[in-house]
Amino acid sequence: MNPSSDDAHDGLLRDLGLKRLRPVWAKFEIFFGLGAVGGSVFGGLYLAANANPSGWLWPCLTVVFTLGGYLALAGHRSHLYQSSNRLAAHLADLIRKPPHAG
């Protein structure tokens, strides 16, 4: 990205009253959420293979699976918002520029 695009993006966020999203946090949400989902799936497979009908562990794995999936989707949504904001700033910058002569 060139500096004018970042200025346009900052201006768009300022005009809309939004704060800049952090891509590192979104990546953390995605990887941690997918790790939780994977861990709960493997935990469920382990419990099913060992025929361990523990009454409290199945609901815990279900909650971890659900919350992990939600966290991964929230990180993905954050990435979509970031790219949408950058695209809107770029398009607004193009609209403001006068057309090329010739």
Protein backbone atom coordinates (compact mmCIF):
# COMPACT_ATOMS: atom_id res chain seq x y z
CA MET A 1 0.00 0.00 0.00
CA ASN A 2 1.21 3.44 -0.74
CA PRO A 3 1.20 6.22 1.88
CA SER A 4 -1.71 8.10 0.30
CA SER A 5 -3.85 4.98 0.56
CA ASP A 6 -3.07 4.70 4.28
CA ASP A 7 -3.91 8.40 4.69
CA ALA A 8 -7.21 7.84 2.89
CA HIS A 9 -7.93 4.84 5.11
CA ASP A 10 -7.16 6.82 8.26
CA GLY A 11 -9.35 9.67 7.02
CA LEU A 12 -12.23 7.30 6.30
CA LEU A 13 -12.01 5.76 9.76
CA ARG A 14 -11.82 9.20 11.36
CA ASP A 15 -14.83 10.48 9.38
CA LEU A 16 -16.90 7.42 10.30
CA GLY A 17 -15.81 7.49 13.95
CA LEU A 18 -14.28 4.02 13.78
CA LYS A 19 -11.03 2.80 15.26
CA ARG A 20 -8.35 0.94 13.34
CA LEU A 21 -8.65 -2.83 13.60
CA ARG A 22 -5.55 -4.83 14.45
CA PRO A 23 -4.76 -7.68 12.03
CA VAL A 24 -2.58 -9.46 14.61
CA TRP A 25 -5.54 -9.77 16.98
CA ALA A 26 -7.73 -11.14 14.17
CA LYS A 27 -5.11 -13.77 13.33
CA PHE A 28 -4.89 -14.72 17.01
CA GLU A 29 -8.67 -15.17 17.12
CA ILE A 30 -8.63 -17.37 14.04
CA PHE A 31 -5.76 -19.63 15.12
CA PHE A 32 -6.87 -19.90 18.75
CA GLY A 33 -10.45 -20.64 17.70
CA LEU A 34 -9.40 -23.30 15.22
CA GLY A 35 -7.11 -24.82 17.84
CA ALA A 36 -10.00 -25.01 20.31
CA VAL A 37 -12.24 -26.62 17.70
CA GLY A 38 -9.56 -29.15 16.76
CA GLY A 39 -8.80 -29.96 20.38
CA SER A 40 -12.45 -30.52 21.19
CA VAL A 41 -12.93 -32.74 18.13
CA PHE A 42 -9.93 -34.89 19.04
CA GLY A 43 -11.08 -34.96 22.67
CA GLY A 44 -14.51 -36.15 21.56
CA LEU A 45 -12.98 -38.81 19.33
CA TYR A 46 -10.82 -40.00 22.23
CA LEU A 47 -13.82 -40.21 24.54
CA ALA A 48 -15.87 -42.04 21.90
CA ALA A 49 -13.09 -44.55 21.18
CA ASN A 50 -12.53 -45.34 24.85
CA ALA A 51 -16.26 -45.61 25.56
CA ASN A 52 -15.89 -43.27 28.52
CA PRO A 53 -19.39 -41.99 29.25
CA SER A 54 -18.20 -39.26 31.59
CA GLY A 55 -21.24 -37.06 32.18
CA TRP A 56 -19.50 -33.70 32.54
CA LEU A 57 -16.79 -33.93 29.87
CA TRP A 58 -19.08 -34.13 26.83
CA PRO A 59 -20.88 -30.84 27.57
CA CYS A 60 -17.51 -29.16 28.22
CA LEU A 61 -16.19 -30.32 24.85
CA THR A 62 -19.37 -29.10 23.18
CA VAL A 63 -18.97 -25.65 24.75
CA VAL A 64 -15.28 -25.46 23.74
CA PHE A 65 -16.18 -26.53 20.19
CA THR A 66 -18.93 -23.90 19.93
CA LEU A 67 -16.90 -21.05 21.42
CA GLY A 68 -13.83 -21.96 19.35
CA GLY A 69 -15.87 -21.91 16.17
CA TYR A 70 -17.36 -18.55 17.11
CA LEU A 71 -13.90 -17.14 17.85
CA ALA A 72 -12.53 -18.32 14.49
CA LEU A 73 -15.49 -16.77 12.67
CA ALA A 74 -15.07 -13.51 14.59
CA GLY A 75 -11.44 -13.29 13.49
CA HIS A 76 -12.43 -13.95 9.90
CA ARG A 77 -15.13 -11.28 10.11
CA SER A 78 -12.54 -8.83 11.43
CA HIS A 79 -10.31 -9.53 8.42
CA LEU A 80 -13.28 -8.94 6.11
CA TYR A 81 -14.02 -5.61 7.81
CA GLN A 82 -10.39 -4.54 7.44
CA SER A 83 -10.27 -5.32 3.74
CA SER A 84 -13.67 -3.68 3.18
CA ASN A 85 -12.51 -0.50 4.93
CA ARG A 86 -9.34 -0.37 2.85
CA LEU A 87 -11.31 -0.89 -0.36
CA ALA A 88 -13.81 1.84 0.57
CA ALA A 89 -10.96 4.24 1.34
CA HIS A 90 -9.27 3.44 -1.97
CA LEU A 91 -12.49 3.92 -3.94
CA ALA A 92 -13.25 7.20 -2.15
CA ASP A 93 -9.73 8.38 -2.98
CA LEU A 94 -10.24 7.48 -6.66
CA ILE A 95 -13.57 9.31 -6.78
CA ARG A 96 -12.01 12.48 -5.31
CA LYS A 97 -9.22 12.59 -7.92
CA PRO A 98 -9.95 14.47 -11.14
CA PRO A 99 -10.15 12.36 -14.29
CA HIS A 100 -6.96 12.04 -16.32
CA ALA A 101 -6.59 14.45 -19.21
CA GLY A 102 -6.02 12.90 -22.58
